Structures are given as structure tokens and as C-alpha cells.
């Protein structure tokens, strides 16, 4: 059974249809890419999946359960976690503090849990943050404020914070944007490990070389509709995709 399914999901803003009857499924343990030109509806689709927007029509399912009308917080507690194009961090907090705060995302009342947190719970949260820092190769930066990190390090921290919420499906919105070649390679290696450890990844990305190298399945959007879907090789050979989106990267 697919871990995530969309059935004719549509979103209209007044007379503008941003997403039009989008239907596709994501298999568990895969890296699934969403590509398309600017304005194709990729980020809007992410917002529909995670509950920031409600669809005009259609259905979103997580493990066969209809979550279309669940709020964002409830979806996050079920393991559907998203990052954003602009990394959302607590700029003045350290790497460790950002990740530790991210671990509260699983709670139905995070502020109450934080205010009345026991010493044992606080210690457990710090241990969890330490494990995630080690996993994401951020341990050496644990005491550095987020605002003092490089752009690439901030992107990795954003993903580490998402991992702190213990996601089953991790949605990444342009995670490689602004990274150097070496930073992209390190992040690709990290995402490969996340997938190997059982977390499903859905990503929007403009770097076609990275998408083709990293993804198991790619869905191509065009003007809010699904143009085609398949393996990287199948998508690479699709004539409309080659002409419109890949160019020399194909």
C-alpha cells in the first residue's frame, strides 16, 4: 500500500486553478521527486499535503487513512513533516536548542510540555538532540547560533529539526537551493541514509542532476496538472519533459 496518496486533488484561488486534479502515490521507503517549472503548483501541492491549504476538491491519504480535513498539527503527529524553501530556524538559538525544540513537534500541547517539563524529560530530549546532531554531522556546531551558520549548514539544520519530529514522510521544499557542489553531495548522502533508515522522502527540487541521481520516482507537474510520472530514466526520455524542463541536464 502506498504511504501517501493524492486523488484528484484540486486547489483554486478564486478563478485561478493552482492544482488541477493531481493524482499520484508515493511508495514507502522511496525518494519521490516533484519537478516542473515555476508556477507549476509544486509548493501549493506540498501545502495541500501537509494541511496548510485545504483542497477545493479531492482527497489526501496517509497509509490509506483520509487526512484531507486534518489540521497541520495532527498530520505532523501522524508523521507527515515538511521543511520550507526558506529555512525556518530560531536564529538566536544554538543548533542543539533548535533541534531539541523540534522534538516537541510530536506533542499535542508543546508549550505546556515545555513549561512543565521534568528534568528527566529534558535530559531525554537533549539525548535525542545529540543523536540527531551526530546523524546529521552537526555535532561540532552544537553551540553555534543558527544565524552564524553558513547557508548550507542552515539547510541541513532545517532537515535535522524535521527529523526531530520523527517523520514517517519527510517533505523537502527545494533543499539543495543555494548550496555548493560539495554541500549538495553531503546532503544527498544524508538523504540516502534517511531513506535507508525507513523514512519516505518527497522533495521539490529545481536541480535536475540531483533529482535524477537521487529519486526513485519522479512526478512532473505542468500548470498544476500531472504531466507524467516514472523512473528518472523514463522521465528523462519523455519528449515534453526533455524539451521544457531538462534541456542539457538530460
C-alpha atoms as a PDB file:
ATOM      1  CA  UNK A   1       0.000   0.000   0.000  1.00  0.00           C
ATOM      2  CA  UNK A   2       1.288   3.500  -0.795  1.00  0.00           C
ATOM      3  CA  UNK A   3       2.233   5.521   2.262  1.00  0.00           C
ATOM      4  CA  UNK A   4       0.918   8.733   0.677  1.00  0.00           C
ATOM      5  CA  UNK A   5      -1.780   9.087  -1.981  1.00  0.00           C
ATOM      6  CA  UNK A   6      -3.451  12.027  -3.679  1.00  0.00           C
ATOM      7  CA  UNK A   7      -6.743  11.536  -5.503  1.00  0.00           C
ATOM      8  CA  UNK A   8      -7.822  14.291  -7.932  1.00  0.00           C
ATOM      9  CA  UNK A   9      -6.597  16.976  -5.542  1.00  0.00           C
ATOM     10  CA  UNK A  10      -7.583  20.429  -6.790  1.00  0.00           C
ATOM     11  CA  UNK A  11      -6.960  23.892  -5.356  1.00  0.00           C
ATOM     12  CA  UNK A  12      -8.483  27.059  -6.781  1.00  0.00           C
ATOM     13  CA  UNK A  13      -7.782  30.590  -5.600  1.00  0.00           C
ATOM     14  CA  UNK A  14     -10.747  32.491  -6.963  1.00  0.00           C
ATOM     15  CA  UNK A  15     -10.636  31.897 -10.716  1.00  0.00           C
ATOM     16  CA  UNK A  16      -7.052  30.601 -10.684  1.00  0.00           C
ATOM     17  CA  UNK A  17      -6.658  26.823 -10.512  1.00  0.00           C
ATOM     18  CA  UNK A  18      -3.229  26.285  -8.951  1.00  0.00           C
ATOM     19  CA  UNK A  19      -3.514  22.485  -8.714  1.00  0.00           C
ATOM     20  CA  UNK A  20      -5.828  20.588 -11.048  1.00  0.00           C
ATOM     21  CA  UNK A  21      -6.936  17.011 -10.250  1.00  0.00           C
ATOM     22  CA  UNK A  22      -3.462  15.894  -9.139  1.00  0.00           C
ATOM     23  CA  UNK A  23      -3.369  12.131  -8.646  1.00  0.00           C
ATOM     24  CA  UNK A  24      -0.278  10.155  -7.667  1.00  0.00           C
ATOM     25  CA  UNK A  25       1.032   7.826  -4.966  1.00  0.00           C
ATOM     26  CA  UNK A  26       4.268   7.594  -3.007  1.00  0.00           C
ATOM     27  CA  UNK A  27       5.650   4.196  -2.057  1.00  0.00           C
ATOM     28  CA  UNK A  28       7.047   3.640   1.445  1.00  0.00           C
ATOM     29  CA  UNK A  29      10.819   3.866   1.748  1.00  0.00           C
ATOM     30  CA  UNK A  30      11.244   5.760  -1.528  1.00  0.00           C
ATOM     31  CA  UNK A  31      12.580   9.156  -2.540  1.00  0.00           C
ATOM     32  CA  UNK A  32       9.871  10.704  -4.716  1.00  0.00           C
ATOM     33  CA  UNK A  33      10.619  13.878  -6.661  1.00  0.00           C
ATOM     34  CA  UNK A  34       8.221  16.604  -7.807  1.00  0.00           C
ATOM     35  CA  UNK A  35       9.524  18.734 -10.664  1.00  0.00           C
ATOM     36  CA  UNK A  36       8.151  21.334 -13.034  1.00  0.00           C
ATOM     37  CA  UNK A  37       8.631  24.976 -13.994  1.00  0.00           C
ATOM     38  CA  UNK A  38       7.962  27.901 -11.678  1.00  0.00           C
ATOM     39  CA  UNK A  39       4.230  28.214 -11.145  1.00  0.00           C
ATOM     40  CA  UNK A  40       3.570  24.529 -11.848  1.00  0.00           C
ATOM     41  CA  UNK A  41       1.924  24.101  -8.436  1.00  0.00           C
ATOM     42  CA  UNK A  42       4.652  22.192  -6.592  1.00  0.00           C
ATOM     43  CA  UNK A  43       4.753  24.258  -3.411  1.00  0.00           C
ATOM     44  CA  UNK A  44       0.955  24.596  -3.367  1.00  0.00           C
ATOM     45  CA  UNK A  45       0.739  20.818  -3.600  1.00  0.00           C
ATOM     46  CA  UNK A  46       3.064  20.489  -0.597  1.00  0.00           C
ATOM     47  CA  UNK A  47       0.790  22.851   1.320  1.00  0.00           C
ATOM     48  CA  UNK A  48      -2.229  20.719   0.418  1.00  0.00           C
ATOM     49  CA  UNK A  49      -0.484  17.528   1.532  1.00  0.00           C
ATOM     50  CA  UNK A  50       0.558  18.983   4.885  1.00  0.00           C
ATOM     51  CA  UNK A  51      -2.664  20.862   5.616  1.00  0.00           C
ATOM     52  CA  UNK A  52      -1.539  24.468   5.212  1.00  0.00           C
ATOM     53  CA  UNK A  53      -4.170  24.660   2.461  1.00  0.00           C
ATOM     54  CA  UNK A  54      -7.422  22.722   2.175  1.00  0.00           C
ATOM     55  CA  UNK A  55      -8.241  21.368  -1.289  1.00  0.00           C
ATOM     56  CA  UNK A  56     -11.183  22.686  -3.242  1.00  0.00           C
ATOM     57  CA  UNK A  57     -11.851  19.057  -4.092  1.00  0.00           C
ATOM     58  CA  UNK A  58     -10.066  15.713  -3.904  1.00  0.00           C
ATOM     59  CA  UNK A  59      -8.574  13.561  -1.172  1.00  0.00           C
ATOM     60  CA  UNK A  60      -5.222  13.108   0.591  1.00  0.00           C
ATOM     61  CA  UNK A  61      -4.478   9.771   2.273  1.00  0.00           C
ATOM     62  CA  UNK A  62      -1.703   8.697   4.624  1.00  0.00           C
ATOM     63  CA  UNK A  63      -1.381   4.915   4.848  1.00  0.00           C
ATOM     64  CA  UNK A  64      -4.894   4.586   3.478  1.00  0.00           C
ATOM     65  CA  UNK A  65      -6.385   6.991   6.039  1.00  0.00           C
ATOM     66  CA  UNK A  66      -8.186  10.058   4.719  1.00  0.00           C
ATOM     67  CA  UNK A  67      -6.381  13.051   6.257  1.00  0.00           C
ATOM     68  CA  UNK A  68      -7.844  15.693   3.926  1.00  0.00           C
ATOM     69  CA  UNK A  69      -9.565  17.597   6.720  1.00  0.00           C
ATOM     70  CA  UNK A  70      -6.993  17.116   9.482  1.00  0.00           C
ATOM     71  CA  UNK A  71      -5.119  20.217  10.681  1.00  0.00           C
ATOM     72  CA  UNK A  72      -1.394  20.566  10.094  1.00  0.00           C
ATOM     73  CA  UNK A  73      -0.530  19.699  13.699  1.00  0.00           C
ATOM     74  CA  UNK A  74      -2.474  16.430  13.570  1.00  0.00           C
ATOM     75  CA  UNK A  75      -0.774  15.453  10.319  1.00  0.00           C
ATOM     76  CA  UNK A  76       2.618  16.179  11.866  1.00  0.00           C
ATOM     77  CA  UNK A  77       1.802  13.917  14.818  1.00  0.00           C
ATOM     78  CA  UNK A  78       0.947  11.182  12.324  1.00  0.00           C
ATOM     79  CA  UNK A  79       4.429  11.588  10.839  1.00  0.00           C
ATOM     80  CA  UNK A  80       3.867  13.941   7.893  1.00  0.00           C
ATOM     81  CA  UNK A  81       6.554  16.616   8.313  1.00  0.00           C
ATOM     82  CA  UNK A  82       7.613  19.412   5.976  1.00  0.00           C
ATOM     83  CA  UNK A  83      10.522  21.803   5.504  1.00  0.00           C
ATOM     84  CA  UNK A  84      10.228  25.082   3.596  1.00  0.00           C
ATOM     85  CA  UNK A  85      12.115  26.870   0.791  1.00  0.00           C
ATOM     86  CA  UNK A  86      13.246  29.455   3.327  1.00  0.00           C
ATOM     87  CA  UNK A  87      14.667  27.507   6.252  1.00  0.00           C
ATOM     88  CA  UNK A  88      12.649  28.318   9.396  1.00  0.00           C
ATOM     89  CA  UNK A  89      15.025  28.493  12.372  1.00  0.00           C
ATOM     90  CA  UNK A  90      15.255  30.175  15.756  1.00  0.00           C
ATOM     91  CA  UNK A  91      18.117  32.423  14.688  1.00  0.00           C
ATOM     92  CA  UNK A  92      19.482  33.225  18.156  1.00  0.00           C
ATOM     93  CA  UNK A  93      19.255  29.670  19.499  1.00  0.00           C
ATOM     94  CA  UNK A  94      22.062  27.172  19.101  1.00  0.00           C
ATOM     95  CA  UNK A  95      21.995  24.171  16.808  1.00  0.00           C
ATOM     96  CA  UNK A  96      21.322  21.929  19.801  1.00  0.00           C
ATOM     97  CA  UNK A  97      18.499  24.131  21.085  1.00  0.00           C
ATOM     98  CA  UNK A  98      16.834  24.293  17.663  1.00  0.00           C
ATOM     99  CA  UNK A  99      16.828  20.513  17.333  1.00  0.00           C
ATOM    100  CA  UNK A 100      15.692  19.965  20.923  1.00  0.00           C
ATOM    101  CA  UNK A 101      12.769  22.328  20.334  1.00  0.00           C
ATOM    102  CA  UNK A 102      11.926  20.409  17.172  1.00  0.00           C
ATOM    103  CA  UNK A 103      11.376  17.312  19.285  1.00  0.00           C
ATOM    104  CA  UNK A 104       8.332  18.984  20.851  1.00  0.00           C
ATOM    105  CA  UNK A 105       6.531  18.894  17.491  1.00  0.00           C
ATOM    106  CA  UNK A 106       5.171  15.409  18.222  1.00  0.00           C
ATOM    107  CA  UNK A 107       3.288  16.726  21.249  1.00  0.00           C
ATOM    108  CA  UNK A 108      -0.352  17.792  21.068  1.00  0.00           C
ATOM    109  CA  UNK A 109       0.457  20.614  23.537  1.00  0.00           C
ATOM    110  CA  UNK A 110       4.136  21.527  23.023  1.00  0.00           C
ATOM    111  CA  UNK A 111       4.081  24.758  25.032  1.00  0.00           C
ATOM    112  CA  UNK A 112       2.515  23.051  28.037  1.00  0.00           C
ATOM    113  CA  UNK A 113       5.022  20.206  27.782  1.00  0.00           C
ATOM    114  CA  UNK A 114       7.867  22.711  27.631  1.00  0.00           C
ATOM    115  CA  UNK A 115       6.633  24.773  30.597  1.00  0.00           C
ATOM    116  CA  UNK A 116       6.103  21.743  32.835  1.00  0.00           C
ATOM    117  CA  UNK A 117       8.911  19.566  31.515  1.00  0.00           C
ATOM    118  CA  UNK A 118      10.533  17.339  34.138  1.00  0.00           C
ATOM    119  CA  UNK A 119      14.328  17.120  34.449  1.00  0.00           C
ATOM    120  CA  UNK A 120      14.176  13.542  33.168  1.00  0.00           C
ATOM    121  CA  UNK A 121      12.168  14.573  30.104  1.00  0.00           C
ATOM    122  CA  UNK A 122      14.536  17.480  29.431  1.00  0.00           C
ATOM    123  CA  UNK A 123      17.527  15.142  29.669  1.00  0.00           C
ATOM    124  CA  UNK A 124      15.864  12.686  27.286  1.00  0.00           C
ATOM    125  CA  UNK A 125      15.199  15.485  24.814  1.00  0.00           C
ATOM    126  CA  UNK A 126      18.847  16.550  24.932  1.00  0.00           C
ATOM    127  CA  UNK A 127      19.962  12.973  24.330  1.00  0.00           C
ATOM    128  CA  UNK A 128      17.661  12.812  21.329  1.00  0.00           C
ATOM    129  CA  UNK A 129      19.039  16.091  20.012  1.00  0.00           C
ATOM    130  CA  UNK A 130      22.594  14.787  20.426  1.00  0.00           C
ATOM    131  CA  UNK A 131      21.745  11.683  18.391  1.00  0.00           C
ATOM    132  CA  UNK A 132      20.242  13.789  15.595  1.00  0.00           C
ATOM    133  CA  UNK A 133      23.240  16.139  15.574  1.00  0.00           C
ATOM    134  CA  UNK A 134      25.526  13.147  15.208  1.00  0.00           C
ATOM    135  CA  UNK A 135      23.344  11.712  12.447  1.00  0.00           C
ATOM    136  CA  UNK A 136      23.313  14.993  10.511  1.00  0.00           C
ATOM    137  CA  UNK A 137      27.023  15.729  11.101  1.00  0.00           C
ATOM    138  CA  UNK A 138      26.256  18.848  13.150  1.00  0.00           C
ATOM    139  CA  UNK A 139      27.783  17.804  16.479  1.00  0.00           C
ATOM    140  CA  UNK A 140      30.786  20.108  16.083  1.00  0.00           C
ATOM    141  CA  UNK A 141      28.382  23.041  15.683  1.00  0.00           C
ATOM    142  CA  UNK A 142      26.115  22.235  18.617  1.00  0.00           C
ATOM    143  CA  UNK A 143      26.831  25.509  20.466  1.00  0.00           C
ATOM    144  CA  UNK A 144      26.779  27.757  17.383  1.00  0.00           C
ATOM    145  CA  UNK A 145      23.784  30.060  16.925  1.00  0.00           C
ATOM    146  CA  UNK A 146      21.703  29.244  13.856  1.00  0.00           C
ATOM    147  CA  UNK A 147      22.230  32.752  12.482  1.00  0.00           C
ATOM    148  CA  UNK A 148      26.004  32.172  12.427  1.00  0.00           C
ATOM    149  CA  UNK A 149      25.837  29.034  10.279  1.00  0.00           C
ATOM    150  CA  UNK A 150      26.559  29.027   6.563  1.00  0.00           C
ATOM    151  CA  UNK A 151      23.594  28.782   4.202  1.00  0.00           C
ATOM    152  CA  UNK A 152      24.272  25.100   3.560  1.00  0.00           C
ATOM    153  CA  UNK A 153      24.571  24.360   7.270  1.00  0.00           C
ATOM    154  CA  UNK A 154      21.270  26.128   7.910  1.00  0.00           C
ATOM    155  CA  UNK A 155      19.593  23.937   5.285  1.00  0.00           C
ATOM    156  CA  UNK A 156      20.940  20.809   6.975  1.00  0.00           C
ATOM    157  CA  UNK A 157      19.807  22.113  10.368  1.00  0.00           C
ATOM    158  CA  UNK A 158      16.308  22.635   8.975  1.00  0.00           C
ATOM    159  CA  UNK A 159      16.196  18.976   7.950  1.00  0.00           C
ATOM    160  CA  UNK A 160      17.636  17.911  11.317  1.00  0.00           C
ATOM    161  CA  UNK A 161      14.828  19.812  13.069  1.00  0.00           C
ATOM    162  CA  UNK A 162      12.309  17.981  10.873  1.00  0.00           C
ATOM    163  CA  UNK A 163      13.943  14.658  11.801  1.00  0.00           C
ATOM    164  CA  UNK A 164      13.461  15.567  15.465  1.00  0.00           C
ATOM    165  CA  UNK A 165       9.706  15.242  14.867  1.00  0.00           C
ATOM    166  CA  UNK A 166      10.249  11.554  13.978  1.00  0.00           C
ATOM    167  CA  UNK A 167       8.700  11.748  10.492  1.00  0.00           C
ATOM    168  CA  UNK A 168       7.372   8.821   8.513  1.00  0.00           C
ATOM    169  CA  UNK A 169       7.107  11.008   5.407  1.00  0.00           C
ATOM    170  CA  UNK A 170       9.528  13.929   5.080  1.00  0.00           C
ATOM    171  CA  UNK A 171       8.592  16.626   2.558  1.00  0.00           C
ATOM    172  CA  UNK A 172      11.518  18.802   1.481  1.00  0.00           C
ATOM    173  CA  UNK A 173      10.898  22.018  -0.446  1.00  0.00           C
ATOM    174  CA  UNK A 174      13.984  22.795  -2.561  1.00  0.00           C
ATOM    175  CA  UNK A 175      16.539  21.527  -0.015  1.00  0.00           C
ATOM    176  CA  UNK A 176      19.541  21.970  -2.343  1.00  0.00           C
ATOM    177  CA  UNK A 177      18.899  25.629  -3.238  1.00  0.00           C
ATOM    178  CA  UNK A 178      21.960  27.835  -2.807  1.00  0.00           C
ATOM    179  CA  UNK A 179      24.302  25.005  -1.878  1.00  0.00           C
ATOM    180  CA  UNK A 180      27.806  24.455  -3.206  1.00  0.00           C
ATOM    181  CA  UNK A 181      28.601  21.241  -5.083  1.00  0.00           C
ATOM    182  CA  UNK A 182      30.262  19.706  -2.017  1.00  0.00           C
ATOM    183  CA  UNK A 183      27.326  20.678   0.206  1.00  0.00           C
ATOM    184  CA  UNK A 184      24.920  19.104  -2.281  1.00  0.00           C
ATOM    185  CA  UNK A 185      26.903  15.868  -2.234  1.00  0.00           C
ATOM    186  CA  UNK A 186      26.865  15.755   1.572  1.00  0.00           C
ATOM    187  CA  UNK A 187      23.132  16.444   1.713  1.00  0.00           C
ATOM    188  CA  UNK A 188      22.413  13.808  -0.955  1.00  0.00           C
ATOM    189  CA  UNK A 189      24.361  11.294   1.138  1.00  0.00           C
ATOM    190  CA  UNK A 190      22.352  12.264   4.217  1.00  0.00           C
ATOM    191  CA  UNK A 191      19.028  11.896   2.395  1.00  0.00           C
ATOM    192  CA  UNK A 192      20.126   8.478   1.180  1.00  0.00           C
ATOM    193  CA  UNK A 193      20.752   7.436   4.779  1.00  0.00           C
ATOM    194  CA  UNK A 194      17.385   8.819   5.881  1.00  0.00           C
ATOM    195  CA  UNK A 195      15.668   6.733   3.207  1.00  0.00           C
ATOM    196  CA  UNK A 196      17.689   3.626   4.115  1.00  0.00           C
ATOM    197  CA  UNK A 197      16.592   4.059   7.726  1.00  0.00           C
ATOM    198  CA  UNK A 198      12.949   3.826   6.685  1.00  0.00           C
ATOM    199  CA  UNK A 199      11.740   7.398   6.208  1.00  0.00           C
ATOM    200  CA  UNK A 200       9.950   8.160   2.955  1.00  0.00           C
ATOM    201  CA  UNK A 201      11.069  11.400   1.288  1.00  0.00           C
ATOM    202  CA  UNK A 202       9.108  13.615  -1.099  1.00  0.00           C
ATOM    203  CA  UNK A 203      11.078  16.533  -2.482  1.00  0.00           C
ATOM    204  CA  UNK A 204      10.567  19.524  -4.725  1.00  0.00           C
ATOM    205  CA  UNK A 205      13.823  20.490  -6.404  1.00  0.00           C
ATOM    206  CA  UNK A 206      14.998  22.513  -9.402  1.00  0.00           C
ATOM    207  CA  UNK A 207      18.449  20.901  -9.623  1.00  0.00           C
ATOM    208  CA  UNK A 208      17.665  18.268 -12.245  1.00  0.00           C
ATOM    209  CA  UNK A 209      21.004  16.479 -11.976  1.00  0.00           C
ATOM    210  CA  UNK A 210      20.419  15.931  -8.276  1.00  0.00           C
ATOM    211  CA  UNK A 211      16.813  14.843  -8.812  1.00  0.00           C
ATOM    212  CA  UNK A 212      17.797  12.331 -11.487  1.00  0.00           C
ATOM    213  CA  UNK A 213      20.560  10.917  -9.311  1.00  0.00           C
ATOM    214  CA  UNK A 214      18.635  10.746  -6.053  1.00  0.00           C
ATOM    215  CA  UNK A 215      14.979   9.938  -6.765  1.00  0.00           C
ATOM    216  CA  UNK A 216      13.360   6.548  -7.297  1.00  0.00           C
ATOM    217  CA  UNK A 217      10.231   8.023  -8.897  1.00  0.00           C
ATOM    218  CA  UNK A 218       9.581  11.487 -10.326  1.00  0.00           C
ATOM    219  CA  UNK A 219       6.224  13.195 -10.867  1.00  0.00           C
ATOM    220  CA  UNK A 220       6.259  16.076 -13.352  1.00  0.00           C
ATOM    221  CA  UNK A 221       3.790  18.920 -12.875  1.00  0.00           C
ATOM    222  CA  UNK A 222       2.785  21.411 -15.536  1.00  0.00           C
ATOM    223  CA  UNK A 223       0.259  24.213 -14.962  1.00  0.00           C
ATOM    224  CA  UNK A 224      -0.996  22.454 -11.836  1.00  0.00           C
ATOM    225  CA  UNK A 225      -1.594  19.076 -13.504  1.00  0.00           C
ATOM    226  CA  UNK A 226       0.433  15.870 -13.550  1.00  0.00           C
ATOM    227  CA  UNK A 227       2.174  15.707 -16.928  1.00  0.00           C
ATOM    228  CA  UNK A 228       3.892  12.362 -16.443  1.00  0.00           C
ATOM    229  CA  UNK A 229       5.402  10.098 -13.807  1.00  0.00           C
ATOM    230  CA  UNK A 230       8.048   7.386 -13.801  1.00  0.00           C
ATOM    231  CA  UNK A 231      11.609   6.444 -13.005  1.00  0.00           C
ATOM    232  CA  UNK A 232      14.313   9.040 -13.663  1.00  0.00           C
ATOM    233  CA  UNK A 233      15.170   7.320 -16.937  1.00  0.00           C
ATOM    234  CA  UNK A 234      11.534   7.248 -18.072  1.00  0.00           C
ATOM    235  CA  UNK A 235      11.066  10.914 -17.208  1.00  0.00           C
ATOM    236  CA  UNK A 236      14.377  11.829 -18.813  1.00  0.00           C
ATOM    237  CA  UNK A 237      13.199  10.332 -22.119  1.00  0.00           C
ATOM    238  CA  UNK A 238       9.740  11.908 -22.075  1.00  0.00           C
ATOM    239  CA  UNK A 239       9.784  14.320 -25.048  1.00  0.00           C
ATOM    240  CA  UNK A 240       7.822  17.127 -23.389  1.00  0.00           C
ATOM    241  CA  UNK A 241       9.942  16.935 -20.248  1.00  0.00           C
ATOM    242  CA  UNK A 242      13.159  16.939 -22.248  1.00  0.00           C
ATOM    243  CA  UNK A 243      12.074  19.948 -24.263  1.00  0.00           C
ATOM    244  CA  UNK A 244      10.558  22.027 -21.492  1.00  0.00           C
ATOM    245  CA  UNK A 245      12.397  21.304 -18.268  1.00  0.00           C
ATOM    246  CA  UNK A 246      15.593  19.300 -18.559  1.00  0.00           C
ATOM    247  CA  UNK A 247      17.433  20.701 -21.538  1.00  0.00           C
ATOM    248  CA  UNK A 248      21.131  19.994 -21.316  1.00  0.00           C
ATOM    249  CA  UNK A 249      20.718  18.434 -17.859  1.00  0.00           C
ATOM    250  CA  UNK A 250      19.037  15.444 -19.540  1.00  0.00           C
END
